[in-house]
N, C-alpha and C. Protein backbone atom coordinates (compact mmCIF):
# COMPACT_ATOMS: atom_id res chain seq x y z
N MET A 1 178.76 -57.51 118.48
CA MET A 1 177.72 -56.51 118.32
C MET A 1 176.90 -56.86 117.08
N SER A 2 175.60 -56.92 117.24
CA SER A 2 174.73 -57.29 116.12
C SER A 2 174.45 -56.07 115.24
N ASN A 3 174.01 -56.33 114.04
CA ASN A 3 173.65 -55.29 113.09
C ASN A 3 172.30 -54.72 113.49
N ILE A 4 172.23 -53.44 113.81
CA ILE A 4 170.99 -52.82 114.27
C ILE A 4 169.92 -52.81 113.19
N LEU A 5 170.32 -52.82 111.91
CA LEU A 5 169.33 -52.86 110.83
C LEU A 5 168.63 -54.21 110.78
N ALA A 6 169.30 -55.27 111.25
CA ALA A 6 168.72 -56.59 111.22
C ALA A 6 168.11 -56.98 112.56
N ASP A 7 168.19 -56.10 113.54
CA ASP A 7 167.71 -56.39 114.89
C ASP A 7 166.20 -56.24 114.95
N ASN A 8 165.49 -57.36 115.06
CA ASN A 8 164.02 -57.34 115.10
C ASN A 8 163.48 -56.82 116.42
N ASP A 9 164.32 -56.71 117.44
CA ASP A 9 163.87 -56.21 118.73
C ASP A 9 163.84 -54.70 118.79
N PHE A 10 164.35 -54.04 117.78
CA PHE A 10 164.38 -52.58 117.73
C PHE A 10 163.04 -52.12 117.17
N ILE A 11 162.12 -51.68 118.05
CA ILE A 11 160.73 -51.51 117.67
C ILE A 11 160.30 -50.08 117.40
N LEU A 12 160.93 -49.08 117.90
CA LEU A 12 160.47 -47.70 117.74
C LEU A 12 160.36 -47.37 116.26
N ASP A 13 159.16 -47.50 115.71
CA ASP A 13 158.95 -47.43 114.27
C ASP A 13 159.56 -46.20 113.61
N ALA A 14 159.28 -45.02 114.12
CA ALA A 14 159.76 -43.80 113.48
C ALA A 14 161.28 -43.68 113.55
N PHE A 15 161.91 -44.32 114.53
CA PHE A 15 163.34 -44.20 114.72
C PHE A 15 164.08 -45.49 114.39
N ASN A 16 163.39 -46.44 113.83
CA ASN A 16 163.99 -47.70 113.43
C ASN A 16 164.86 -47.46 112.21
N PRO A 17 166.14 -47.84 112.25
CA PRO A 17 167.02 -47.59 111.10
C PRO A 17 166.47 -48.16 109.79
N ALA A 18 165.84 -49.31 109.83
CA ALA A 18 165.27 -49.88 108.61
C ALA A 18 164.14 -49.01 108.09
N SER A 19 163.35 -48.44 108.99
CA SER A 19 162.26 -47.56 108.60
C SER A 19 162.79 -46.25 108.02
N ILE A 20 163.86 -45.74 108.60
CA ILE A 20 164.49 -44.52 108.08
C ILE A 20 165.03 -44.78 106.68
N ALA A 21 165.70 -45.91 106.50
CA ALA A 21 166.24 -46.27 105.18
C ALA A 21 165.13 -46.41 104.16
N LEU A 22 164.02 -47.01 104.56
CA LEU A 22 162.86 -47.14 103.67
C LEU A 22 162.34 -45.77 103.25
N GLY A 23 162.25 -44.85 104.21
CA GLY A 23 161.78 -43.50 103.91
C GLY A 23 162.70 -42.76 102.95
N ILE A 24 164.00 -42.92 103.15
CA ILE A 24 164.97 -42.26 102.25
C ILE A 24 164.84 -42.83 100.84
N ALA A 25 164.78 -44.15 100.73
CA ALA A 25 164.65 -44.76 99.41
C ALA A 25 163.35 -44.32 98.73
N LYS A 26 162.29 -44.23 99.51
CA LYS A 26 161.00 -43.79 98.96
C LYS A 26 161.09 -42.35 98.45
N ARG A 27 161.73 -41.48 99.23
CA ARG A 27 161.86 -40.08 98.81
C ARG A 27 162.77 -39.92 97.58
N VAL A 28 163.80 -40.74 97.49
CA VAL A 28 164.66 -40.71 96.31
C VAL A 28 163.85 -41.10 95.08
N ARG A 29 163.07 -42.16 95.21
CA ARG A 29 162.24 -42.61 94.08
C ARG A 29 161.24 -41.52 93.69
N GLU A 30 160.59 -40.92 94.69
CA GLU A 30 159.62 -39.86 94.41
C GLU A 30 160.28 -38.67 93.72
N ARG A 31 161.46 -38.28 94.19
CA ARG A 31 162.18 -37.16 93.57
C ARG A 31 162.56 -37.51 92.14
N ARG A 32 163.01 -38.75 91.94
CA ARG A 32 163.37 -39.20 90.60
C ARG A 32 162.17 -39.10 89.66
N LEU A 33 161.01 -39.54 90.13
CA LEU A 33 159.81 -39.50 89.31
C LEU A 33 159.33 -38.06 89.08
N GLU A 34 159.46 -37.20 90.11
CA GLU A 34 159.10 -35.79 89.95
C GLU A 34 159.94 -35.13 88.87
N MET A 35 161.20 -35.56 88.79
CA MET A 35 162.11 -35.00 87.79
C MET A 35 161.98 -35.71 86.44
N ASN A 36 161.01 -36.64 86.37
CA ASN A 36 160.73 -37.38 85.15
C ASN A 36 161.97 -38.14 84.66
N LEU A 37 162.67 -38.78 85.61
CA LEU A 37 163.87 -39.56 85.28
C LEU A 37 163.57 -41.05 85.43
N THR A 38 164.00 -41.82 84.47
CA THR A 38 163.93 -43.27 84.62
C THR A 38 165.06 -43.72 85.52
N GLN A 39 164.97 -44.94 86.01
CA GLN A 39 166.07 -45.48 86.80
C GLN A 39 167.35 -45.49 85.97
N GLN A 40 167.23 -45.87 84.72
CA GLN A 40 168.39 -45.94 83.84
C GLN A 40 169.03 -44.56 83.65
N THR A 41 168.21 -43.53 83.47
CA THR A 41 168.74 -42.18 83.27
C THR A 41 169.42 -41.67 84.54
N LEU A 42 168.78 -41.87 85.70
CA LEU A 42 169.39 -41.43 86.96
C LEU A 42 170.70 -42.17 87.20
N ALA A 43 170.71 -43.46 86.93
CA ALA A 43 171.94 -44.23 87.12
C ALA A 43 173.05 -43.69 86.24
N LYS A 44 172.73 -43.43 84.99
CA LYS A 44 173.75 -42.93 84.05
C LYS A 44 174.26 -41.56 84.47
N ARG A 45 173.35 -40.65 84.83
CA ARG A 45 173.77 -39.29 85.21
C ARG A 45 174.57 -39.26 86.51
N SER A 46 174.25 -40.15 87.42
CA SER A 46 174.90 -40.14 88.73
C SER A 46 176.19 -40.94 88.77
N GLY A 47 176.34 -41.89 87.86
CA GLY A 47 177.50 -42.76 87.90
C GLY A 47 177.28 -43.98 88.79
N VAL A 48 176.08 -44.13 89.31
CA VAL A 48 175.70 -45.30 90.11
C VAL A 48 175.19 -46.36 89.14
N THR A 49 175.57 -47.60 89.34
CA THR A 49 175.10 -48.63 88.42
C THR A 49 173.59 -48.80 88.54
N LEU A 50 172.98 -49.23 87.45
CA LEU A 50 171.54 -49.45 87.43
C LEU A 50 171.14 -50.49 88.48
N GLY A 51 171.94 -51.53 88.62
CA GLY A 51 171.66 -52.56 89.63
C GLY A 51 171.67 -52.01 91.04
N THR A 52 172.61 -51.13 91.33
CA THR A 52 172.68 -50.51 92.66
C THR A 52 171.44 -49.66 92.92
N LEU A 53 171.03 -48.88 91.93
CA LEU A 53 169.84 -48.04 92.09
C LEU A 53 168.59 -48.89 92.27
N LYS A 54 168.46 -49.93 91.47
CA LYS A 54 167.29 -50.81 91.61
C LYS A 54 167.26 -51.46 92.99
N ARG A 55 168.42 -51.94 93.45
CA ARG A 55 168.50 -52.56 94.77
C ARG A 55 168.14 -51.56 95.87
N PHE A 56 168.58 -50.32 95.71
CA PHE A 56 168.26 -49.29 96.69
C PHE A 56 166.75 -49.04 96.75
N GLU A 57 166.13 -48.88 95.60
CA GLU A 57 164.69 -48.61 95.58
C GLU A 57 163.89 -49.83 96.05
N ARG A 58 164.41 -51.03 95.83
CA ARG A 58 163.71 -52.25 96.21
C ARG A 58 164.00 -52.67 97.65
N ASP A 59 165.29 -52.68 98.04
CA ASP A 59 165.71 -53.23 99.33
C ASP A 59 166.19 -52.17 100.32
N ASN A 60 166.24 -50.90 99.89
CA ASN A 60 166.63 -49.78 100.75
C ASN A 60 168.08 -49.88 101.22
N GLU A 61 168.94 -50.50 100.42
CA GLU A 61 170.34 -50.64 100.79
C GLU A 61 171.23 -49.96 99.76
N ILE A 62 172.14 -49.09 100.27
CA ILE A 62 173.04 -48.36 99.39
C ILE A 62 174.21 -47.84 100.22
N SER A 63 175.34 -47.68 99.59
CA SER A 63 176.49 -47.10 100.30
C SER A 63 176.29 -45.59 100.40
N LEU A 64 176.96 -44.99 101.35
CA LEU A 64 176.89 -43.54 101.50
C LEU A 64 177.41 -42.85 100.25
N LYS A 65 178.49 -43.36 99.69
CA LYS A 65 179.06 -42.78 98.48
C LYS A 65 178.03 -42.74 97.36
N HIS A 66 177.34 -43.84 97.13
CA HIS A 66 176.36 -43.90 96.05
C HIS A 66 175.13 -43.04 96.37
N LEU A 67 174.74 -42.99 97.64
CA LEU A 67 173.62 -42.13 98.02
C LEU A 67 173.95 -40.67 97.73
N LEU A 68 175.16 -40.26 98.03
CA LEU A 68 175.59 -38.89 97.75
C LEU A 68 175.64 -38.61 96.25
N MET A 69 176.07 -39.59 95.47
CA MET A 69 176.11 -39.42 94.02
C MET A 69 174.69 -39.22 93.47
N LEU A 70 173.72 -39.95 94.01
CA LEU A 70 172.33 -39.77 93.60
C LEU A 70 171.82 -38.40 94.05
N ALA A 71 172.18 -38.00 95.26
CA ALA A 71 171.72 -36.72 95.80
C ALA A 71 172.19 -35.55 94.95
N VAL A 72 173.37 -35.64 94.39
CA VAL A 72 173.89 -34.56 93.54
C VAL A 72 172.97 -34.38 92.33
N VAL A 73 172.62 -35.46 91.68
CA VAL A 73 171.77 -35.38 90.49
C VAL A 73 170.36 -34.94 90.87
N LEU A 74 169.88 -35.37 92.03
CA LEU A 74 168.52 -35.04 92.46
C LEU A 74 168.45 -33.71 93.20
N ASP A 75 169.56 -32.97 93.23
CA ASP A 75 169.64 -31.67 93.88
C ASP A 75 169.16 -31.74 95.33
N ALA A 76 169.74 -32.70 96.06
CA ALA A 76 169.34 -32.92 97.45
C ALA A 76 170.54 -33.03 98.38
N THR A 77 171.60 -32.28 98.10
CA THR A 77 172.80 -32.38 98.93
C THR A 77 172.75 -31.54 100.19
N GLU A 78 171.89 -30.53 100.22
CA GLU A 78 171.81 -29.65 101.39
C GLU A 78 171.45 -30.41 102.66
N GLU A 79 170.65 -31.44 102.54
CA GLU A 79 170.23 -32.21 103.69
C GLU A 79 171.41 -32.87 104.40
N PHE A 80 172.45 -33.20 103.65
CA PHE A 80 173.61 -33.85 104.24
C PHE A 80 174.45 -32.86 105.06
N ASP A 81 174.36 -31.58 104.76
CA ASP A 81 175.14 -30.58 105.49
C ASP A 81 174.76 -30.51 106.97
N SER A 82 173.51 -30.79 107.28
CA SER A 82 173.07 -30.70 108.67
C SER A 82 173.15 -32.02 109.42
N LEU A 83 173.49 -33.09 108.73
CA LEU A 83 173.59 -34.40 109.36
C LEU A 83 174.71 -34.40 110.39
N PHE A 84 174.40 -34.77 111.59
CA PHE A 84 175.33 -34.83 112.72
C PHE A 84 175.87 -33.46 113.15
N SER A 85 175.20 -32.39 112.75
CA SER A 85 175.67 -31.07 113.19
C SER A 85 175.25 -30.85 114.64
N ARG A 86 175.93 -29.96 115.27
CA ARG A 86 175.63 -29.65 116.67
C ARG A 86 174.36 -28.84 116.77
N GLY A 87 173.67 -29.00 117.87
CA GLY A 87 172.44 -28.26 118.10
C GLY A 87 172.70 -26.79 118.37
N GLN A 88 171.66 -26.03 118.35
CA GLN A 88 171.75 -24.60 118.63
C GLN A 88 171.91 -24.38 120.14
N PHE A 89 172.67 -23.39 120.50
CA PHE A 89 172.87 -23.04 121.91
C PHE A 89 171.98 -21.86 122.26
N GLU A 90 171.50 -21.87 123.49
CA GLU A 90 170.64 -20.78 123.96
C GLU A 90 171.46 -19.58 124.41
N ASN A 91 172.71 -19.81 124.83
CA ASN A 91 173.55 -18.71 125.27
C ASN A 91 175.02 -19.08 125.10
N ILE A 92 175.89 -18.10 125.30
CA ILE A 92 177.33 -18.29 125.11
C ILE A 92 177.92 -19.29 126.10
N ASP A 93 177.36 -19.35 127.31
CA ASP A 93 177.86 -20.29 128.32
C ASP A 93 177.67 -21.73 127.85
N GLN A 94 176.53 -22.03 127.23
CA GLN A 94 176.30 -23.38 126.72
C GLN A 94 177.29 -23.72 125.60
N ALA A 95 177.56 -22.77 124.74
CA ALA A 95 178.49 -22.99 123.64
C ALA A 95 179.90 -23.24 124.18
N LEU A 96 180.34 -22.43 125.14
CA LEU A 96 181.67 -22.60 125.72
C LEU A 96 181.78 -23.91 126.48
N ASN A 97 180.75 -24.26 127.22
CA ASN A 97 180.74 -25.51 127.97
C ASN A 97 180.80 -26.70 127.03
N ALA A 98 180.07 -26.66 125.94
CA ALA A 98 180.07 -27.76 124.97
C ALA A 98 181.42 -27.90 124.30
N SER A 99 182.06 -26.79 123.96
CA SER A 99 183.34 -26.87 123.27
C SER A 99 184.43 -27.41 124.20
N SER A 100 184.32 -27.20 125.50
CA SER A 100 185.33 -27.72 126.43
C SER A 100 185.15 -29.21 126.66
N LYS A 101 183.99 -29.76 126.32
CA LYS A 101 183.72 -31.18 126.52
C LYS A 101 184.01 -32.03 125.29
N ILE A 102 184.39 -31.42 124.19
CA ILE A 102 184.64 -32.18 122.97
C ILE A 102 185.89 -33.03 123.15
N ARG A 103 185.74 -34.31 122.89
CA ARG A 103 186.86 -35.23 123.00
C ARG A 103 187.60 -35.27 121.68
N GLN A 104 188.88 -35.48 121.77
CA GLN A 104 189.69 -35.56 120.56
C GLN A 104 189.57 -36.93 119.89
N ARG A 105 189.41 -37.98 120.69
CA ARG A 105 189.26 -39.32 120.15
C ARG A 105 188.15 -40.03 120.91
N GLY A 106 187.50 -40.93 120.22
CA GLY A 106 186.46 -41.72 120.87
C GLY A 106 187.08 -42.81 121.71
N LYS A 107 186.34 -43.26 122.70
CA LYS A 107 186.79 -44.33 123.55
C LYS A 107 186.49 -45.65 122.86
N HIS A 108 187.45 -46.54 122.86
CA HIS A 108 187.31 -47.82 122.18
C HIS A 108 186.63 -48.80 123.13
N ASN A 109 185.42 -49.23 122.77
CA ASN A 109 184.67 -50.19 123.59
C ASN A 109 184.33 -51.41 122.74
N ASP A 110 184.91 -52.52 123.06
CA ASP A 110 184.57 -53.78 122.36
C ASP A 110 184.04 -54.79 123.32
């Protein structure tokens, strides 16, 4: 299985993982600047190394752990609460039907 971030055939611009990563890095930088924080100050306050922060802002690459550490300092953790959450149901039947379809383990496909 190839890395989807490196897959040049993945063209849907708005939904391209590389484009999403670019947008997140851009918003982190903008938030940092709005808060009048230097890269060095944000790195120190978050516990993320300065090199990691610079690489993130430049290359859009960061671990989830480090992204969360930055989000804490930038007061942006609420966005993570809704990540991968279930959609809203229109009625009780949809909710019950969805809960009966939840699998306990994923199917292993290699």
